[in-house]
């Protein structure tokens, strides 16, 4: 089963936290909202360091390079069995200005026509209850772990 690595970026807003989530591009996800969003993540290459893969995928999906220290948030398994290793970093990027890489698929199916779509069609900042409603079910534990992590440490590194 494939493994992925990703980054859960967060920012402090008064007494609370907001997290950056991304919405997958392409025709399948076009009209889906609740339970469709994700942390920026992607597949790790065989033997690749999870933190390096997370940084690479964050850059590919948002256009923003992360250079600060990453805090491990642990591993989860999504519904399909995919393992996701996640890291947290405090930061603040313009969600409206993300620049995602693209992919090609045959669309409509069996049409013989290849179309190009952004891997991520939009990003947004959400408070924890809003993020909990939108994030993929299997990634919800990452939000709780982030809350625990930030509550314990009080500080983490900036991008």
N, C-alpha and C. Protein backbone atom coordinates (compact mmCIF):
# COMPACT_ATOMS: atom_id res chain seq x y z
N UNK A 1 0.85 -1.18 0.00
CA UNK A 1 0.00 0.00 0.00
C UNK A 1 0.89 1.24 0.00
N UNK A 2 0.52 2.23 -0.77
CA UNK A 2 1.29 3.46 -0.90
C UNK A 2 1.28 4.26 0.40
N UNK A 3 2.35 4.99 0.61
CA UNK A 3 2.46 5.88 1.76
C UNK A 3 2.58 7.30 1.27
N UNK A 4 1.99 8.22 2.03
CA UNK A 4 2.05 9.63 1.71
C UNK A 4 2.61 10.40 2.90
N UNK A 5 3.04 11.62 2.63
CA UNK A 5 3.50 12.52 3.68
C UNK A 5 2.91 13.89 3.40
N UNK A 6 2.57 14.59 4.48
CA UNK A 6 1.96 15.90 4.30
C UNK A 6 2.23 16.83 5.46
N UNK A 7 1.82 18.09 5.25
CA UNK A 7 2.03 19.14 6.25
C UNK A 7 0.70 19.78 6.61
N UNK A 8 0.45 19.86 7.90
CA UNK A 8 -0.71 20.55 8.44
C UNK A 8 -0.21 21.92 8.92
N UNK A 9 -0.42 22.94 8.09
CA UNK A 9 -0.01 24.30 8.46
C UNK A 9 -1.12 24.91 9.32
N UNK A 10 -0.69 25.63 10.35
CA UNK A 10 -1.67 26.28 11.22
C UNK A 10 -1.20 27.69 11.56
N UNK A 11 -2.18 28.50 11.98
CA UNK A 11 -1.89 29.84 12.47
C UNK A 11 -2.79 30.10 13.67
N UNK A 12 -2.32 30.98 14.53
CA UNK A 12 -3.07 31.32 15.73
C UNK A 12 -3.97 32.51 15.42
N UNK A 13 -5.21 32.44 15.88
CA UNK A 13 -6.17 33.52 15.68
C UNK A 13 -6.79 33.81 17.04
N UNK A 14 -6.20 34.75 17.75
CA UNK A 14 -6.67 35.02 19.10
C UNK A 14 -6.49 33.79 19.96
N UNK A 15 -7.57 33.32 20.58
CA UNK A 15 -7.45 32.14 21.45
C UNK A 15 -7.46 30.81 20.68
N UNK A 16 -7.77 30.84 19.40
CA UNK A 16 -7.92 29.60 18.65
C UNK A 16 -6.86 29.38 17.59
N UNK A 17 -7.09 28.33 16.83
CA UNK A 17 -6.20 27.97 15.73
C UNK A 17 -7.01 27.92 14.44
N UNK A 18 -6.34 28.18 13.33
CA UNK A 18 -6.89 27.91 12.01
C UNK A 18 -5.90 27.02 11.30
N UNK A 19 -6.40 26.13 10.45
CA UNK A 19 -5.55 25.23 9.70
C UNK A 19 -5.79 25.43 8.21
N UNK A 20 -4.74 25.19 7.43
CA UNK A 20 -4.82 25.29 5.98
C UNK A 20 -5.18 23.92 5.41
N UNK A 21 -6.28 23.89 4.67
CA UNK A 21 -6.68 22.67 3.98
C UNK A 21 -6.76 22.96 2.50
N UNK A 22 -6.59 21.91 1.69
CA UNK A 22 -6.66 22.05 0.24
C UNK A 22 -7.78 21.16 -0.30
N UNK A 23 -8.36 21.61 -1.40
CA UNK A 23 -9.46 20.88 -2.04
C UNK A 23 -8.93 20.25 -3.32
N UNK A 24 -9.13 18.94 -3.50
CA UNK A 24 -8.60 18.29 -4.70
C UNK A 24 -9.26 18.79 -5.97
N UNK A 25 -8.46 18.95 -7.00
CA UNK A 25 -8.96 19.37 -8.30
C UNK A 25 -9.47 18.19 -9.11
N UNK A 26 -9.94 18.49 -10.27
CA UNK A 26 -10.44 17.44 -11.17
C UNK A 26 -11.94 17.30 -11.08
N UNK A 27 -12.52 16.64 -12.04
CA UNK A 27 -13.97 16.58 -12.15
C UNK A 27 -14.66 15.78 -11.04
N UNK A 28 -14.01 14.78 -10.48
CA UNK A 28 -14.65 13.96 -9.45
C UNK A 28 -14.98 14.77 -8.20
N UNK A 29 -14.10 15.70 -7.82
CA UNK A 29 -14.24 16.44 -6.57
C UNK A 29 -14.95 17.79 -6.74
N UNK A 30 -15.27 18.16 -7.98
CA UNK A 30 -15.77 19.50 -8.29
C UNK A 30 -16.88 19.98 -7.36
N UNK A 31 -17.88 19.17 -7.11
CA UNK A 31 -19.04 19.59 -6.32
C UNK A 31 -19.06 19.02 -4.91
N UNK A 32 -17.92 18.53 -4.44
CA UNK A 32 -17.85 17.97 -3.09
C UNK A 32 -17.18 18.96 -2.15
N UNK A 33 -17.70 19.08 -0.94
CA UNK A 33 -17.12 20.01 0.03
C UNK A 33 -16.86 19.29 1.36
N UNK A 34 -17.90 19.01 2.11
CA UNK A 34 -17.71 18.38 3.42
C UNK A 34 -17.13 16.98 3.24
N UNK A 35 -16.05 16.73 3.99
CA UNK A 35 -15.39 15.43 3.92
C UNK A 35 -14.52 15.24 2.70
N UNK A 36 -14.24 16.33 1.96
CA UNK A 36 -13.44 16.20 0.73
C UNK A 36 -12.07 16.88 0.83
N UNK A 37 -11.88 17.77 1.76
CA UNK A 37 -10.65 18.54 1.89
C UNK A 37 -9.55 17.69 2.55
N UNK A 38 -8.31 18.15 2.40
CA UNK A 38 -7.17 17.37 2.90
C UNK A 38 -6.05 18.31 3.34
N UNK A 39 -5.10 17.75 4.05
CA UNK A 39 -3.85 18.48 4.23
C UNK A 39 -3.08 18.36 2.91
N UNK A 40 -2.21 19.32 2.58
CA UNK A 40 -1.38 19.14 1.39
C UNK A 40 -0.46 17.93 1.62
N UNK A 41 -0.57 16.94 0.74
CA UNK A 41 0.19 15.70 0.92
C UNK A 41 0.36 15.00 -0.42
N UNK A 42 1.23 14.03 -0.44
CA UNK A 42 1.41 13.24 -1.63
C UNK A 42 2.27 12.03 -1.36
N UNK A 43 2.40 11.19 -2.37
CA UNK A 43 3.10 9.92 -2.20
C UNK A 43 4.60 10.12 -1.97
N UNK A 44 5.11 9.26 -1.09
CA UNK A 44 6.55 9.22 -0.83
C UNK A 44 7.17 8.24 -1.80
N UNK A 45 8.37 8.57 -2.27
CA UNK A 45 9.14 7.64 -3.08
C UNK A 45 9.74 6.57 -2.17
N UNK A 46 10.02 5.41 -2.72
CA UNK A 46 10.61 4.32 -1.96
C UNK A 46 11.88 4.80 -1.24
N UNK A 47 11.93 4.62 0.07
CA UNK A 47 13.09 4.99 0.86
C UNK A 47 13.23 6.48 1.14
N UNK A 48 12.30 7.30 0.68
CA UNK A 48 12.39 8.75 0.87
C UNK A 48 12.05 9.13 2.31
N UNK A 49 12.75 10.11 2.83
CA UNK A 49 12.49 10.66 4.15
C UNK A 49 11.10 11.31 4.14
N UNK A 50 10.27 11.01 5.14
CA UNK A 50 8.90 11.52 5.17
C UNK A 50 8.85 13.04 5.23
N UNK A 51 9.73 13.67 6.00
CA UNK A 51 9.73 15.14 6.09
C UNK A 51 10.10 15.77 4.75
N UNK A 52 11.07 15.18 4.05
CA UNK A 52 11.45 15.71 2.73
C UNK A 52 10.30 15.56 1.75
N UNK A 53 9.60 14.42 1.79
CA UNK A 53 8.46 14.21 0.90
C UNK A 53 7.34 15.21 1.23
N UNK A 54 7.10 15.45 2.51
CA UNK A 54 6.06 16.39 2.92
C UNK A 54 6.37 17.79 2.40
N UNK A 55 7.63 18.22 2.52
CA UNK A 55 8.02 19.54 2.01
C UNK A 55 7.83 19.63 0.49
N UNK A 56 8.24 18.58 -0.21
CA UNK A 56 8.12 18.56 -1.67
C UNK A 56 6.64 18.64 -2.09
N UNK A 57 5.81 17.86 -1.46
CA UNK A 57 4.39 17.84 -1.80
C UNK A 57 3.70 19.15 -1.46
N UNK A 58 4.07 19.77 -0.34
CA UNK A 58 3.49 21.07 0.01
C UNK A 58 3.84 22.09 -1.07
N UNK A 59 5.08 22.08 -1.53
CA UNK A 59 5.50 22.99 -2.60
C UNK A 59 4.74 22.71 -3.89
N UNK A 60 4.61 21.43 -4.27
CA UNK A 60 3.91 21.08 -5.51
C UNK A 60 2.44 21.47 -5.47
N UNK A 61 1.80 21.35 -4.30
CA UNK A 61 0.37 21.59 -4.22
C UNK A 61 -0.01 23.04 -3.92
N UNK A 62 0.93 23.81 -3.35
CA UNK A 62 0.60 25.19 -2.99
C UNK A 62 1.48 26.23 -3.68
N UNK A 63 2.67 25.82 -4.13
CA UNK A 63 3.63 26.77 -4.68
C UNK A 63 4.46 27.45 -3.62
N UNK A 64 4.34 27.03 -2.35
CA UNK A 64 5.05 27.64 -1.23
C UNK A 64 6.05 26.64 -0.66
N UNK A 65 7.31 27.08 -0.53
CA UNK A 65 8.35 26.23 0.06
C UNK A 65 8.36 26.42 1.57
N UNK A 66 8.45 25.33 2.29
CA UNK A 66 8.53 25.34 3.76
C UNK A 66 9.98 25.05 4.14
N UNK A 67 10.59 25.98 4.90
CA UNK A 67 11.97 25.76 5.30
C UNK A 67 12.12 25.56 6.80
N UNK A 68 11.11 25.89 7.58
CA UNK A 68 11.20 25.77 9.04
C UNK A 68 11.15 24.33 9.51
N UNK A 69 11.39 24.16 10.80
CA UNK A 69 11.35 22.83 11.41
C UNK A 69 9.92 22.30 11.40
N UNK A 70 9.79 21.02 11.12
CA UNK A 70 8.49 20.36 11.12
C UNK A 70 8.32 19.57 12.41
N UNK A 71 7.12 19.67 12.99
CA UNK A 71 6.79 18.92 14.20
C UNK A 71 6.01 17.67 13.80
N UNK A 72 6.46 16.48 14.15
CA UNK A 72 5.71 15.26 13.81
C UNK A 72 4.33 15.27 14.47
N UNK A 73 3.31 14.91 13.70
CA UNK A 73 1.94 14.81 14.21
C UNK A 73 1.50 13.34 14.19
N UNK A 74 2.34 12.48 13.66
CA UNK A 74 2.04 11.06 13.67
C UNK A 74 1.55 10.56 12.33
N UNK A 75 1.04 9.36 12.38
CA UNK A 75 0.61 8.64 11.17
C UNK A 75 -0.86 8.25 11.33
N UNK A 76 -1.57 8.31 10.21
CA UNK A 76 -2.96 7.84 10.18
C UNK A 76 -3.11 6.91 8.98
N UNK A 77 -4.20 6.18 8.96
CA UNK A 77 -4.55 5.37 7.79
C UNK A 77 -5.91 5.86 7.30
N UNK A 78 -5.96 6.20 6.02
CA UNK A 78 -7.21 6.65 5.42
C UNK A 78 -8.08 5.44 5.11
N UNK A 79 -9.32 5.71 4.78
CA UNK A 79 -10.31 4.65 4.56
C UNK A 79 -9.82 3.59 3.57
N UNK A 80 -9.16 3.99 2.49
CA UNK A 80 -8.68 3.05 1.49
C UNK A 80 -7.43 2.30 1.91
N UNK A 81 -6.91 2.61 3.12
CA UNK A 81 -5.73 1.92 3.64
C UNK A 81 -4.44 2.70 3.47
N UNK A 82 -4.47 3.82 2.73
CA UNK A 82 -3.25 4.59 2.52
C UNK A 82 -2.74 5.16 3.85
N UNK A 83 -1.45 4.97 4.07
CA UNK A 83 -0.76 5.49 5.27
C UNK A 83 -0.33 6.92 4.99
N UNK A 84 -0.61 7.84 5.92
CA UNK A 84 -0.22 9.24 5.78
C UNK A 84 0.59 9.62 7.01
N UNK A 85 1.84 10.06 6.78
CA UNK A 85 2.70 10.58 7.84
C UNK A 85 2.59 12.09 7.78
N UNK A 86 2.22 12.70 8.92
CA UNK A 86 1.94 14.14 8.91
C UNK A 86 2.86 14.91 9.83
N UNK A 87 3.09 16.17 9.45
CA UNK A 87 3.90 17.10 10.22
C UNK A 87 3.13 18.41 10.34
N UNK A 88 3.39 19.14 11.42
CA UNK A 88 2.77 20.45 11.62
C UNK A 88 3.82 21.53 11.50
N UNK A 89 3.38 22.68 11.00
CA UNK A 89 4.25 23.86 10.97
C UNK A 89 3.37 25.09 11.11
N UNK A 90 3.83 26.04 11.91
CA UNK A 90 3.10 27.29 12.04
C UNK A 90 3.49 28.19 10.89
N UNK A 91 2.50 28.82 10.26
CA UNK A 91 2.77 29.70 9.13
C UNK A 91 1.51 30.41 8.71
N UNK A 92 1.65 31.27 7.73
CA UNK A 92 0.50 32.03 7.24
C UNK A 92 0.74 32.34 5.77
N UNK A 93 0.04 31.65 4.90
CA UNK A 93 0.17 31.91 3.47
C UNK A 93 -1.18 32.39 2.93
N UNK A 94 -1.14 33.01 1.79
CA UNK A 94 -2.34 33.49 1.14
C UNK A 94 -2.99 32.31 0.41
N UNK A 95 -4.08 31.80 0.98
CA UNK A 95 -4.74 30.62 0.41
C UNK A 95 -5.25 30.89 -0.99
N UNK A 96 -5.60 32.13 -1.29
CA UNK A 96 -6.14 32.46 -2.62
C UNK A 96 -5.05 32.48 -3.68
N UNK A 97 -3.79 32.51 -3.26
CA UNK A 97 -2.69 32.63 -4.22
C UNK A 97 -1.94 31.32 -4.47
N UNK A 98 -2.50 30.19 -4.05
CA UNK A 98 -1.78 28.93 -4.26
C UNK A 98 -1.63 28.64 -5.75
N UNK A 99 -0.55 27.95 -6.07
CA UNK A 99 -0.27 27.54 -7.46
C UNK A 99 0.05 26.06 -7.43
N UNK A 100 -0.90 25.25 -7.85
CA UNK A 100 -0.76 23.81 -7.79
C UNK A 100 -0.22 23.24 -9.11
N UNK A 101 0.45 22.10 -8.98
CA UNK A 101 0.84 21.37 -10.19
C UNK A 101 -0.40 20.80 -10.86
N UNK A 102 -0.25 20.23 -12.05
CA UNK A 102 -1.40 19.74 -12.83
C UNK A 102 -1.23 18.26 -13.13
N UNK A 103 -2.34 17.62 -13.48
CA UNK A 103 -2.32 16.23 -13.90
C UNK A 103 -3.27 16.08 -15.08
N UNK A 104 -3.07 15.02 -15.86
CA UNK A 104 -3.93 14.75 -17.01
C UNK A 104 -4.67 13.44 -16.81
N UNK A 105 -5.96 13.44 -17.20
CA UNK A 105 -6.76 12.21 -17.21
C UNK A 105 -7.66 12.25 -18.44
N UNK A 106 -8.13 11.09 -18.81
CA UNK A 106 -9.11 11.01 -19.88
C UNK A 106 -10.45 11.47 -19.32
N UNK A 107 -10.99 12.55 -19.89
CA UNK A 107 -12.26 13.08 -19.41
C UNK A 107 -13.05 13.68 -20.55
N UNK A 108 -14.31 13.34 -20.67
CA UNK A 108 -15.04 12.34 -19.89
C UNK A 108 -14.47 10.92 -20.11
N UNK A 109 -14.77 10.02 -19.17
CA UNK A 109 -14.25 8.66 -19.29
C UNK A 109 -14.63 8.02 -20.63
N UNK A 110 -13.70 7.29 -21.19
CA UNK A 110 -13.87 6.56 -22.46
C UNK A 110 -14.14 7.47 -23.65
N UNK A 111 -13.80 8.77 -23.50
CA UNK A 111 -14.03 9.72 -24.60
C UNK A 111 -12.83 9.81 -25.53
N UNK A 112 -11.66 9.34 -25.06
CA UNK A 112 -10.45 9.49 -25.84
C UNK A 112 -9.83 10.88 -25.74
N UNK A 113 -10.44 11.77 -24.97
CA UNK A 113 -9.94 13.13 -24.80
C UNK A 113 -9.20 13.25 -23.48
N UNK A 114 -7.95 13.74 -23.55
CA UNK A 114 -7.18 13.98 -22.34
C UNK A 114 -7.38 15.44 -21.93
N UNK A 115 -7.64 15.64 -20.64
CA UNK A 115 -7.79 17.00 -20.12
C UNK A 115 -6.84 17.19 -18.95
N UNK A 116 -6.40 18.42 -18.77
CA UNK A 116 -5.49 18.79 -17.69
C UNK A 116 -6.27 19.49 -16.58
N UNK A 117 -5.98 19.12 -15.33
CA UNK A 117 -6.63 19.71 -14.17
C UNK A 117 -5.57 20.04 -13.12
N UNK A 118 -5.84 21.06 -12.31
CA UNK A 118 -4.98 21.36 -11.17
C UNK A 118 -5.16 20.26 -10.14
N UNK A 119 -4.03 19.82 -9.54
CA UNK A 119 -4.12 18.80 -8.50
C UNK A 119 -4.93 19.33 -7.32
N UNK A 120 -4.77 20.61 -7.03
CA UNK A 120 -5.51 21.30 -5.98
C UNK A 120 -6.22 22.47 -6.62
N UNK A 121 -7.55 22.57 -6.47
CA UNK A 121 -8.23 23.68 -7.13
C UNK A 121 -8.44 24.89 -6.22
N UNK A 122 -8.31 24.69 -4.90
CA UNK A 122 -8.38 25.82 -3.99
C UNK A 122 -7.87 25.40 -2.62
N UNK A 123 -7.57 26.41 -1.81
CA UNK A 123 -7.13 26.19 -0.44
C UNK A 123 -7.92 27.15 0.44
N UNK A 124 -7.97 26.85 1.72
CA UNK A 124 -8.67 27.73 2.64
C UNK A 124 -8.19 27.53 4.07
N UNK A 125 -8.37 28.59 4.85
CA UNK A 125 -8.08 28.55 6.28
C UNK A 125 -9.40 28.29 7.01
N UNK A 126 -9.38 27.34 7.94
CA UNK A 126 -10.58 26.97 8.68
C UNK A 126 -10.27 26.87 10.16
N UNK A 127 -11.23 27.32 10.99
CA UNK A 127 -11.08 27.06 12.42
C UNK A 127 -11.23 25.56 12.61
N UNK A 128 -10.91 25.06 13.80
CA UNK A 128 -10.90 23.60 13.99
C UNK A 128 -12.28 22.96 13.77
N UNK A 129 -13.39 23.54 14.25
CA UNK A 129 -14.68 22.91 13.94
C UNK A 129 -14.98 22.90 12.43
N UNK A 130 -14.67 23.99 11.73
CA UNK A 130 -14.89 24.04 10.29
C UNK A 130 -14.01 23.05 9.55
N UNK A 131 -12.76 22.93 9.99
CA UNK A 131 -11.84 21.96 9.38
C UNK A 131 -12.32 20.53 9.64
N UNK A 132 -12.80 20.28 10.83
CA UNK A 132 -13.26 18.94 11.19
C UNK A 132 -14.41 18.51 10.27
N UNK A 133 -15.28 19.46 9.90
CA UNK A 133 -16.40 19.15 9.02
C UNK A 133 -15.96 18.92 7.58
N UNK A 134 -14.88 19.55 7.16
CA UNK A 134 -14.48 19.50 5.75
C UNK A 134 -13.41 18.46 5.43
N UNK A 135 -12.54 18.16 6.38
CA UNK A 135 -11.40 17.27 6.11
C UNK A 135 -11.88 15.83 5.90
N UNK A 136 -11.12 15.09 5.12
CA UNK A 136 -11.41 13.66 4.94
C UNK A 136 -11.50 12.98 6.30
N UNK A 137 -12.45 12.12 6.45
CA UNK A 137 -12.71 11.48 7.75
C UNK A 137 -11.45 10.87 8.36
N UNK A 138 -10.66 10.18 7.56
CA UNK A 138 -9.46 9.52 8.06
C UNK A 138 -8.38 10.47 8.54
N UNK A 139 -8.45 11.74 8.11
CA UNK A 139 -7.46 12.73 8.54
C UNK A 139 -7.90 13.52 9.77
N UNK A 140 -9.13 13.35 10.24
CA UNK A 140 -9.63 14.11 11.39
C UNK A 140 -8.75 13.96 12.64
N UNK A 141 -8.19 12.78 12.93
CA UNK A 141 -7.34 12.68 14.12
C UNK A 141 -6.14 13.64 14.08
N UNK A 142 -5.70 14.04 12.89
CA UNK A 142 -4.57 14.97 12.81
C UNK A 142 -4.92 16.32 13.43
N UNK A 143 -6.18 16.74 13.30
CA UNK A 143 -6.61 18.02 13.88
C UNK A 143 -6.54 17.95 15.41
N UNK A 144 -6.98 16.84 15.99
CA UNK A 144 -6.93 16.67 17.44
C UNK A 144 -5.49 16.62 17.93
N UNK A 145 -4.64 15.92 17.18
CA UNK A 145 -3.23 15.84 17.56
C UNK A 145 -2.56 17.20 17.49
N UNK A 146 -2.91 17.99 16.47
CA UNK A 146 -2.35 19.33 16.36
C UNK A 146 -2.76 20.17 17.56
N UNK A 147 -4.02 20.12 17.91
CA UNK A 147 -4.51 20.87 19.05
C UNK A 147 -3.75 20.49 20.32
N UNK A 148 -3.54 19.20 20.53
CA UNK A 148 -2.77 18.72 21.68
C UNK A 148 -1.33 19.21 21.61
N UNK A 149 -0.71 19.12 20.44
CA UNK A 149 0.68 19.52 20.26
C UNK A 149 0.88 21.00 20.55
N UNK A 150 0.03 21.83 20.00
CA UNK A 150 0.17 23.28 20.19
C UNK A 150 -0.15 23.65 21.63
N UNK A 151 -1.13 22.97 22.22
CA UNK A 151 -1.46 23.22 23.62
C UNK A 151 -0.33 22.87 24.57
N UNK A 152 0.40 21.80 24.25
CA UNK A 152 1.52 21.37 25.11
C UNK A 152 2.72 22.28 24.95
N UNK A 153 3.10 22.57 23.70
CA UNK A 153 4.37 23.26 23.46
C UNK A 153 4.23 24.77 23.52
N UNK A 154 3.05 25.29 23.11
CA UNK A 154 2.87 26.73 23.09
C UNK A 154 3.54 27.40 21.92
N UNK A 155 4.60 26.80 21.38
CA UNK A 155 5.30 27.39 20.23
C UNK A 155 5.78 26.29 19.32
N UNK A 156 5.89 26.61 18.06
CA UNK A 156 6.56 25.74 17.08
C UNK A 156 7.26 26.64 16.10
N UNK A 157 8.02 26.05 15.22
CA UNK A 157 8.82 26.82 14.27
C UNK A 157 7.95 27.44 13.18
N UNK A 158 8.43 28.52 12.61
CA UNK A 158 7.75 29.20 11.48
C UNK A 158 8.31 28.68 10.16
N UNK A 159 7.58 28.88 9.05
CA UNK A 159 8.07 28.39 7.75
C UNK A 159 9.28 29.17 7.30
